[in-house]
Amino acid sequence: DAHPLESALFLARGALKVADLYRLDLDADLVT
């Protein structure tokens, strides 16, 4: 809550942070 861009999904060998999302190009119909 204090640093929302540091929020993350914990995946194997690392995390996917919210900040990372603003640099991706997923071109997906749906992300669940």
Full PDB file with SEQRES, HELIX, SHEET, SSBOND, CRYST1, ORIGX, SCALE, CONECT and MASTER records, all heavy atoms in Angstrom:
SEQRES   1 A   32  ASP ALA HIS PRO LEU GLU SER ALA LEU PHE LEU ALA ARG          
SEQRES   2 A   32  GLY ALA LEU LYS VAL ALA ASP LEU TYR ARG LEU ASP LEU          
SEQRES   3 A   32  ASP ALA ASP LEU VAL THR                                      
HELIX    1 AA1 PRO A    4  GLU A    6  5                                   3    
HELIX    2 AA2 VAL A   18  LEU A   21  1                                   4    
SHEET    1 AA1 2 ALA A   8  LEU A  11  0                                        
SHEET    2 AA1 2 GLY A  14  LYS A  17 -1                                        
CRYST1    1.000    1.000    1.000  90.00  90.00  90.00 P 1           1          
ORIGX1      1.000000  0.000000  0.000000        0.00000                         
ORIGX2      0.000000  1.000000  0.000000        0.00000                         
ORIGX3      0.000000  0.000000  1.000000        0.00000                         
SCALE1      1.000000  0.000000  0.000000        0.00000                         
SCALE2      0.000000  1.000000  0.000000        0.00000                         
SCALE3      0.000000  0.000000  1.000000        0.00000                         
ATOM      1  N   ASP A   1       0.819  -1.207   0.000  1.00  0.00           N  
ATOM      2  CA  ASP A   1       0.000   0.000   0.000  1.00  0.00           C  
ATOM      3  C   ASP A   1       0.855   1.261   0.000  1.00  0.00           C  
ATOM      4  O   ASP A   1       0.505   2.256  -0.625  1.00  0.00           O  
ATOM      5  CB  ASP A   1      -0.923  -0.018   1.224  1.00  0.00           C  
ATOM      6  CG  ASP A   1      -1.836   1.190   1.258  1.00  0.00           C  
ATOM      7  OD1 ASP A   1      -2.658   1.331   0.343  1.00  0.00           O  
ATOM      8  OD2 ASP A   1      -1.716   1.997   2.199  1.00  0.00           O  
ATOM      9  N   ALA A   2       2.002   1.206   0.699  1.00  0.00           N  
ATOM     10  CA  ALA A   2       2.855   2.397   0.784  1.00  0.00           C  
ATOM     11  C   ALA A   2       3.586   2.659  -0.529  1.00  0.00           C  
ATOM     12  O   ALA A   2       3.796   3.804  -0.918  1.00  0.00           O  
ATOM     13  CB  ALA A   2       3.858   2.239   1.925  1.00  0.00           C  
ATOM     14  N   HIS A   3       3.989   1.584  -1.210  1.00  0.00           N  
ATOM     15  CA  HIS A   3       4.746   1.713  -2.459  1.00  0.00           C  
ATOM     16  C   HIS A   3       4.124   0.785  -3.503  1.00  0.00           C  
ATOM     17  O   HIS A   3       4.634  -0.308  -3.773  1.00  0.00           O  
ATOM     18  CB  HIS A   3       6.222   1.378  -2.236  1.00  0.00           C  
ATOM     19  CG  HIS A   3       6.856   2.161  -1.130  1.00  0.00           C  
ATOM     20  ND1 HIS A   3       7.042   3.523  -1.200  1.00  0.00           N  
ATOM     21  CD2 HIS A   3       7.298   1.789   0.089  1.00  0.00           C  
ATOM     22  CE1 HIS A   3       7.595   3.953  -0.076  1.00  0.00           C  
ATOM     23  NE2 HIS A   3       7.753   2.922   0.720  1.00  0.00           N  
ATOM     24  N   PRO A   4       3.006   1.206  -4.102  1.00  0.00           N  
ATOM     25  CA  PRO A   4       2.235   0.296  -4.962  1.00  0.00           C  
ATOM     26  C   PRO A   4       2.996  -0.237  -6.156  1.00  0.00           C  
ATOM     27  O   PRO A   4       2.718  -1.326  -6.628  1.00  0.00           O  
ATOM     28  CB  PRO A   4       1.041   1.148  -5.389  1.00  0.00           C  
ATOM     29  CG  PRO A   4       1.485   2.559  -5.202  1.00  0.00           C  
ATOM     30  CD  PRO A   4       2.393   2.537  -4.012  1.00  0.00           C  
ATOM     31  N   LEU A   5       3.966   0.526  -6.665  1.00  0.00           N  
ATOM     32  CA  LEU A   5       4.728   0.042  -7.806  1.00  0.00           C  
ATOM     33  C   LEU A   5       5.627  -1.126  -7.435  1.00  0.00           C  
ATOM     34  O   LEU A   5       6.140  -1.835  -8.306  1.00  0.00           O  
ATOM     35  CB  LEU A   5       5.561   1.174  -8.411  1.00  0.00           C  
ATOM     36  CG  LEU A   5       4.753   2.318  -9.039  1.00  0.00           C  
ATOM     37  CD1 LEU A   5       5.671   3.459  -9.440  1.00  0.00           C  
ATOM     38  CD2 LEU A   5       3.961   1.837 -10.237  1.00  0.00           C  
ATOM     39  N   GLU A   6       5.832  -1.340  -6.118  1.00  0.00           N  
ATOM     40  CA  GLU A   6       6.621  -2.479  -5.643  1.00  0.00           C  
ATOM     41  C   GLU A   6       5.756  -3.699  -5.375  1.00  0.00           C  
ATOM     42  O   GLU A   6       6.282  -4.762  -5.020  1.00  0.00           O  
ATOM     43  CB  GLU A   6       7.381  -2.090  -4.368  1.00  0.00           C  
ATOM     44  CG  GLU A   6       8.418  -0.993  -4.572  1.00  0.00           C  
ATOM     45  CD  GLU A   6       9.497  -1.410  -5.565  1.00  0.00           C  
ATOM     46  OE1 GLU A   6      10.083  -2.497  -5.395  1.00  0.00           O  
ATOM     47  OE2 GLU A   6       9.724  -0.652  -6.533  1.00  0.00           O  
ATOM     48  N   SER A   7       4.437  -3.577  -5.471  1.00  0.00           N  
ATOM     49  CA  SER A   7       3.556  -4.739  -5.327  1.00  0.00           C  
ATOM     50  C   SER A   7       3.961  -5.785  -6.358  1.00  0.00           C  
ATOM     51  O   SER A   7       4.425  -5.455  -7.448  1.00  0.00           O  
ATOM     52  CB  SER A   7       2.100  -4.341  -5.537  1.00  0.00           C  
ATOM     53  OG  SER A   7       1.724  -3.330  -4.623  1.00  0.00           O  
ATOM     54  N   ALA A   8       3.777  -7.060  -6.012  1.00  0.00           N  
ATOM     55  CA  ALA A   8       4.342  -8.092  -6.881  1.00  0.00           C  
ATOM     56  C   ALA A   8       3.561  -9.387  -6.817  1.00  0.00           C  
ATOM     57  O   ALA A   8       2.888  -9.694  -5.829  1.00  0.00           O  
ATOM     58  CB  ALA A   8       5.799  -8.348  -6.500  1.00  0.00           C  
ATOM     59  N   LEU A   9       3.665 -10.143  -7.895  1.00  0.00           N  
ATOM     60  CA  LEU A   9       3.290 -11.550  -7.917  1.00  0.00           C  
ATOM     61  C   LEU A   9       4.570 -12.353  -7.719  1.00  0.00           C  
ATOM     62  O   LEU A   9       5.572 -12.111  -8.406  1.00  0.00           O  
ATOM     63  CB  LEU A   9       2.654 -11.923  -9.255  1.00  0.00           C  
ATOM     64  CG  LEU A   9       1.296 -11.315  -9.591  1.00  0.00           C  
ATOM     65  CD1 LEU A   9       0.903 -11.696 -11.009  1.00  0.00           C  
ATOM     66  CD2 LEU A   9       0.250 -11.792  -8.606  1.00  0.00           C  
ATOM     67  N   PHE A  10       4.542 -13.286  -6.779  1.00  0.00           N  
ATOM     68  CA  PHE A  10       5.738 -14.061  -6.476  1.00  0.00           C  
ATOM     69  C   PHE A  10       5.775 -15.294  -7.368  1.00  0.00           C  
ATOM     70  O   PHE A  10       4.952 -16.198  -7.246  1.00  0.00           O  
ATOM     71  CB  PHE A  10       5.756 -14.444  -5.000  1.00  0.00           C  
ATOM     72  CG  PHE A  10       5.868 -13.260  -4.091  1.00  0.00           C  
ATOM     73  CD1 PHE A  10       4.863 -12.955  -3.195  1.00  0.00           C  
ATOM     74  CD2 PHE A  10       6.970 -12.430  -4.148  1.00  0.00           C  
ATOM     75  CE1 PHE A  10       4.955 -11.861  -2.368  1.00  0.00           C  
ATOM     76  CE2 PHE A  10       7.077 -11.324  -3.325  1.00  0.00           C  
ATOM     77  CZ  PHE A  10       6.067 -11.034  -2.430  1.00  0.00           C  
ATOM     78  N   LEU A  11       6.738 -15.310  -8.256  1.00  0.00           N  
ATOM     79  CA  LEU A  11       6.917 -16.408  -9.183  1.00  0.00           C  
ATOM     80  C   LEU A  11       8.261 -17.069  -8.921  1.00  0.00           C  
ATOM     81  O   LEU A  11       9.071 -16.575  -8.132  1.00  0.00           O  
ATOM     82  CB  LEU A  11       6.826 -15.892 -10.623  1.00  0.00           C  
ATOM     83  CG  LEU A  11       5.501 -15.197 -10.966  1.00  0.00           C  
ATOM     84  CD1 LEU A  11       5.575 -14.569 -12.346  1.00  0.00           C  
ATOM     85  CD2 LEU A  11       4.340 -16.180 -10.887  1.00  0.00           C  
ATOM     86  N   ALA A  12       8.509 -18.201  -9.529  1.00  0.00           N  
ATOM     87  CA  ALA A  12       9.766 -18.909  -9.314  1.00  0.00           C  
ATOM     88  C   ALA A  12      10.941 -18.056  -9.796  1.00  0.00           C  
ATOM     89  O   ALA A  12      10.868 -17.401 -10.834  1.00  0.00           O  
ATOM     90  CB  ALA A  12       9.736 -20.244 -10.057  1.00  0.00           C  
ATOM     91  N   ARG A  13      11.979 -18.039  -8.996  1.00  0.00           N  
ATOM     92  CA  ARG A  13      13.224 -17.322  -9.313  1.00  0.00           C  
ATOM     93  C   ARG A  13      13.021 -15.814  -9.480  1.00  0.00           C  
ATOM     94  O   ARG A  13      13.748 -15.164 -10.211  1.00  0.00           O  
ATOM     95  CB  ARG A  13      13.895 -17.911 -10.561  1.00  0.00           C  
ATOM     96  CG  ARG A  13      14.251 -19.379 -10.426  1.00  0.00           C  
ATOM     97  CD  ARG A  13      15.272 -19.807 -11.462  1.00  0.00           C  
ATOM     98  NE  ARG A  13      14.807 -19.662 -12.814  1.00  0.00           N  
ATOM     99  CZ  ARG A  13      14.086 -20.582 -13.467  1.00  0.00           C  
ATOM    100  NH1 ARG A  13      13.738 -21.706 -12.848  1.00  0.00           N  
ATOM    101  NH2 ARG A  13      13.712 -20.402 -14.706  1.00  0.00           N  
ATOM    102  N   GLY A  14      12.022 -15.248  -8.802  1.00  0.00           N  
ATOM    103  CA  GLY A  14      11.845 -13.800  -8.865  1.00  0.00           C  
ATOM    104  C   GLY A  14      10.392 -13.395  -8.802  1.00  0.00           C  
ATOM    105  O   GLY A  14       9.502 -14.232  -8.648  1.00  0.00           O  
ATOM    106  N   ALA A  15      10.178 -12.084  -8.913  1.00  0.00           N  
ATOM    107  CA  ALA A  15       8.824 -11.541  -8.792  1.00  0.00           C  
ATOM    108  C   ALA A  15       8.500 -10.704 -10.018  1.00  0.00           C  
ATOM    109  O   ALA A  15       9.389 -10.169 -10.691  1.00  0.00           O  
ATOM    110  CB  ALA A  15       8.707 -10.696  -7.529  1.00  0.00           C  
ATOM    111  N   LEU A  16       7.217 -10.598 -10.289  1.00  0.00           N  
ATOM    112  CA  LEU A  16       6.724  -9.700 -11.335  1.00  0.00           C  
ATOM    113  C   LEU A  16       6.092  -8.514 -10.635  1.00  0.00           C  
ATOM    114  O   LEU A  16       5.028  -8.624 -10.029  1.00  0.00           O  
ATOM    115  CB  LEU A  16       5.696 -10.408 -12.221  1.00  0.00           C  
ATOM    116  CG  LEU A  16       5.097  -9.588 -13.370  1.00  0.00           C  
ATOM    117  CD1 LEU A  16       6.177  -9.193 -14.366  1.00  0.00           C  
ATOM    118  CD2 LEU A  16       3.979 -10.361 -14.052  1.00  0.00           C  
ATOM    119  N   LYS A  17       6.767  -7.362 -10.686  1.00  0.00           N  
ATOM    120  CA  LYS A  17       6.307  -6.175  -9.975  1.00  0.00           C  
ATOM    121  C   LYS A  17       5.375  -5.336 -10.854  1.00  0.00           C  
ATOM    122  O   LYS A  17       5.434  -5.401 -12.079  1.00  0.00           O  
ATOM    123  CB  LYS A  17       7.497  -5.320  -9.539  1.00  0.00           C  
ATOM    124  CG  LYS A  17       8.390  -5.976  -8.502  1.00  0.00           C  
ATOM    125  CD  LYS A  17       9.498  -5.027  -8.068  1.00  0.00           C  
ATOM    126  CE  LYS A  17      10.370  -5.656  -6.993  1.00  0.00           C  
ATOM    127  NZ  LYS A  17      11.438  -4.723  -6.547  1.00  0.00           N  
ATOM    128  N   VAL A  18       4.549  -4.538 -10.176  1.00  0.00           N  
ATOM    129  CA  VAL A  18       3.661  -3.633 -10.903  1.00  0.00           C  
ATOM    130  C   VAL A  18       4.475  -2.699 -11.793  1.00  0.00           C  
ATOM    131  O   VAL A  18       4.096  -2.425 -12.937  1.00  0.00           O  
ATOM    132  CB  VAL A  18       2.786  -2.832  -9.916  1.00  0.00           C  
ATOM    133  CG1 VAL A  18       2.068  -1.698 -10.638  1.00  0.00           C  
ATOM    134  CG2 VAL A  18       1.764  -3.745  -9.243  1.00  0.00           C  
ATOM    135  N   ALA A  19       5.602  -2.212 -11.285  1.00  0.00           N  
ATOM    136  CA  ALA A  19       6.434  -1.304 -12.081  1.00  0.00           C  
ATOM    137  C   ALA A  19       6.870  -1.962 -13.387  1.00  0.00           C  
ATOM    138  O   ALA A  19       7.005  -1.294 -14.418  1.00  0.00           O  
ATOM    139  CB  ALA A  19       7.658  -0.870 -11.276  1.00  0.00           C  
ATOM    140  N   ASP A  20       7.094  -3.286 -13.357  1.00  0.00           N  
ATOM    141  CA  ASP A  20       7.521  -3.992 -14.569  1.00  0.00           C  
ATOM    142  C   ASP A  20       6.435  -3.983 -15.640  1.00  0.00           C  
ATOM    143  O   ASP A  20       6.733  -4.031 -16.842  1.00  0.00           O  
ATOM    144  CB  ASP A  20       7.879  -5.444 -14.237  1.00  0.00           C  
ATOM    145  CG  ASP A  20       9.010  -5.561 -13.229  1.00  0.00           C  
ATOM    146  OD1 ASP A  20       9.877  -4.665 -13.217  1.00  0.00           O  
ATOM    147  OD2 ASP A  20       9.019  -6.540 -12.454  1.00  0.00           O  
ATOM    148  N   LEU A  21       5.178  -3.948 -15.203  1.00  0.00           N  
ATOM    149  CA  LEU A  21       4.070  -4.046 -16.150  1.00  0.00           C  
ATOM    150  C   LEU A  21       4.036  -2.870 -17.113  1.00  0.00           C  
ATOM    151  O   LEU A  21       3.588  -3.000 -18.257  1.00  0.00           O  
ATOM    152  CB  LEU A  21       2.739  -4.134 -15.399  1.00  0.00           C  
ATOM    153  CG  LEU A  21       2.598  -5.319 -14.432  1.00  0.00           C  
ATOM    154  CD1 LEU A  21       1.259  -5.242 -13.705  1.00  0.00           C  
ATOM    155  CD2 LEU A  21       2.725  -6.643 -15.173  1.00  0.00           C  
ATOM    156  N   TYR A  22       4.502  -1.700 -16.652  1.00  0.00           N  
ATOM    157  CA  TYR A  22       4.472  -0.506 -17.501  1.00  0.00           C  
ATOM    158  C   TYR A  22       5.563  -0.533 -18.568  1.00  0.00           C  
ATOM    159  O   TYR A  22       5.709   0.413 -19.327  1.00  0.00           O  
ATOM    160  CB  TYR A  22       4.574   0.753 -16.634  1.00  0.00           C  
ATOM    161  CG  TYR A  22       3.298   1.025 -15.877  1.00  0.00           C  
ATOM    162  CD1 TYR A  22       3.080   0.491 -14.612  1.00  0.00           C  
ATOM    163  CD2 TYR A  22       2.280   1.777 -16.438  1.00  0.00           C  
ATOM    164  CE1 TYR A  22       1.903   0.718 -13.926  1.00  0.00           C  
ATOM    165  CE2 TYR A  22       1.090   2.007 -15.763  1.00  0.00           C  
ATOM    166  CZ  TYR A  22       0.910   1.476 -14.506  1.00  0.00           C  
ATOM    167  OH  TYR A  22      -0.261   1.700 -13.832  1.00  0.00           O  
ATOM    168  N   ARG A  23       6.328  -1.643 -18.595  1.00  0.00           N  
ATOM    169  CA  ARG A  23       7.359  -1.790 -19.623  1.00  0.00           C  
ATOM    170  C   ARG A  23       7.140  -3.048 -20.478  1.00  0.00           C  
ATOM    171  O   ARG A  23       8.016  -3.418 -21.255  1.00  0.00           O  
ATOM    172  CB  ARG A  23       8.740  -1.823 -18.964  1.00  0.00           C  
ATOM    173  CG  ARG A  23       9.094  -0.521 -18.258  1.00  0.00           C  
ATOM    174  CD  ARG A  23      10.534  -0.518 -17.768  1.00  0.00           C  
ATOM    175  NE  ARG A  23      10.750  -1.381 -16.625  1.00  0.00           N  
ATOM    176  CZ  ARG A  23      10.580  -0.996 -15.356  1.00  0.00           C  
ATOM    177  NH1 ARG A  23      10.175   0.233 -15.090  1.00  0.00           N  
ATOM    178  NH2 ARG A  23      10.813  -1.823 -14.360  1.00  0.00           N  
ATOM    179  N   LEU A  24       5.994  -3.701 -20.315  1.00  0.00           N  
ATOM    180  CA  LEU A  24       5.682  -4.902 -21.091  1.00  0.00           C  
ATOM    181  C   LEU A  24       4.714  -4.574 -22.230  1.00  0.00           C  
ATOM    182  O   LEU A  24       4.005  -3.578 -22.186  1.00  0.00           O  
ATOM    183  CB  LEU A  24       5.054  -5.969 -20.193  1.00  0.00           C  
ATOM    184  CG  LEU A  24       5.953  -6.625 -19.139  1.00  0.00           C  
ATOM    185  CD1 LEU A  24       5.155  -7.639 -18.334  1.00  0.00           C  
ATOM    186  CD2 LEU A  24       7.170  -7.289 -19.774  1.00  0.00           C  
ATOM    187  N   ASP A  25       4.691  -5.440 -23.220  1.00  0.00           N  
ATOM    188  CA  ASP A  25       3.740  -5.328 -24.327  1.00  0.00           C  
ATOM    189  C   ASP A  25       3.098  -6.699 -24.506  1.00  0.00           C  
ATOM    190  O   ASP A  25       3.526  -7.502 -25.325  1.00  0.00           O  
ATOM    191  CB  ASP A  25       4.455  -4.891 -25.607  1.00  0.00           C  
ATOM    192  CG  ASP A  25       3.469  -4.514 -26.712  1.00  0.00           C  
ATOM    193  OD1 ASP A  25       2.246  -4.576 -26.454  1.00  0.00           O  
ATOM    194  OD2 ASP A  25       3.923  -4.167 -27.812  1.00  0.00           O  
ATOM    195  N   LEU A  26       2.065  -6.979 -23.694  1.00  0.00           N  
ATOM    196  CA  LEU A  26       1.486  -8.321 -23.640  1.00  0.00           C  
ATOM    197  C   LEU A  26       0.590  -8.626 -24.827  1.00  0.00           C  
ATOM    198  O   LEU A  26       0.537  -9.754 -25.295  1.00  0.00           O  
ATOM    199  CB  LEU A  26       0.687  -8.493 -22.339  1.00  0.00           C  
ATOM    200  CG  LEU A  26       1.484  -8.397 -21.040  1.00  0.00           C  
ATOM    201  CD1 LEU A  26       0.557  -8.536 -19.849  1.00  0.00           C  
ATOM    202  CD2 LEU A  26       2.564  -9.472 -21.000  1.00  0.00           C  
ATOM    203  N   ASP A  27      -0.180  -7.633 -25.288  1.00  0.00           N  
ATOM    204  CA  ASP A  27      -1.125  -7.823 -26.388  1.00  0.00           C  
ATOM    205  C   ASP A  27      -1.984  -9.063 -26.153  1.00  0.00           C  
ATOM    206  O   ASP A  27      -2.136  -9.918 -27.028  1.00  0.00           O  
ATOM    207  CB  ASP A  27      -0.382  -7.940 -27.720  1.00  0.00           C  
ATOM    208  CG  ASP A  27      -1.345  -7.869 -28.907  1.00  0.00           C  
ATOM    209  OD1 ASP A  27      -2.406  -7.228 -28.776  1.00  0.00           O  
ATOM    210  OD2 ASP A  27      -1.039  -8.476 -29.953  1.00  0.00           O  
ATOM    211  N   ALA A  28      -2.557  -9.169 -24.948  1.00  0.00           N  
ATOM    212  CA  ALA A  28      -3.401 -10.307 -24.591  1.00  0.00           C  
ATOM    213  C   ALA A  28      -4.863  -9.882 -24.559  1.00  0.00           C  
ATOM    214  O   ALA A  28      -5.175  -8.707 -24.374  1.00  0.00           O  
ATOM    215  CB  ALA A  28      -2.993 -10.862 -23.229  1.00  0.00           C  
ATOM    216  N   ASP A  29      -5.751 -10.857 -24.731  1.00  0.00           N  
ATOM    217  CA  ASP A  29      -7.173 -10.571 -24.604  1.00  0.00           C  
ATOM    218  C   ASP A  29      -7.592 -10.570 -23.145  1.00  0.00           C  
ATOM    219  O   ASP A  29      -8.450  -9.788 -22.740  1.00  0.00           O  
ATOM    220  CB  ASP A  29      -7.990 -11.606 -25.375  1.00  0.00           C  
ATOM    221  CG  ASP A  29      -9.466 -11.247 -25.402  1.00  0.00           C  
ATOM    222  OD1 ASP A  29      -9.793 -10.166 -25.930  1.00  0.00           O  
ATOM    223  OD2 ASP A  29     -10.280 -12.022 -24.877  1.00  0.00           O  
ATOM    224  N   LEU A  30      -6.966 -11.438 -22.333  1.00  0.00           N  
ATOM    225  CA  LEU A  30      -7.333 -11.558 -20.928  1.00  0.00           C  
ATOM    226  C   LEU A  30      -6.129 -11.997 -20.118  1.00  0.00           C  
ATOM    227  O   LEU A  30      -5.413 -12.923 -20.505  1.00  0.00           O  
ATOM    228  CB  LEU A  30      -8.457 -12.598 -20.763  1.00  0.00           C  
ATOM    229  CG  LEU A  30      -8.830 -13.003 -19.327  1.00  0.00           C  
ATOM    230  CD1 LEU A  30      -9.448 -11.825 -18.585  1.00  0.00           C  
ATOM    231  CD2 LEU A  30      -9.778 -14.195 -19.335  1.00  0.00           C  
ATOM    232  N   VAL A  31      -5.911 -11.304 -19.011  1.00  0.00           N  
ATOM    233  CA  VAL A  31      -4.947 -11.758 -18.002  1.00  0.00           C  
ATOM    234  C   VAL A  31      -5.725 -12.008 -16.720  1.00  0.00           C  
ATOM    235  O   VAL A  31      -6.450 -11.127 -16.249  1.00  0.00           O  
ATOM    236  CB  VAL A  31      -3.831 -10.724 -17.756  1.00  0.00           C  
ATOM    237  CG1 VAL A  31      -2.923 -11.199 -16.621  1.00  0.00           C  
ATOM    238  CG2 VAL A  31      -3.009 -10.509 -19.022  1.00  0.00           C  
ATOM    239  N   THR A  32      -5.586 -13.199 -16.190  1.00  0.00           N  
ATOM    240  CA  THR A  32      -6.252 -13.554 -14.941  1.00  0.00           C  
ATOM    241  C   THR A  32      -5.219 -13.677 -13.833  1.00  0.00           C  
ATOM    242  O   THR A  32      -4.205 -14.366 -13.994  1.00  0.00           O  
ATOM    243  CB  THR A  32      -7.016 -14.879 -15.084  1.00  0.00           C  
ATOM    244  OG1 THR A  32      -8.046 -14.718 -16.047  1.00  0.00           O  
ATOM    245  CG2 THR A  32      -7.638 -15.288 -13.761  1.00  0.00           C  
TER     246      THR A  32                                                      
MASTER        0    0    0    2    2    0    0    6  245    1    0    3          
END                                                                             
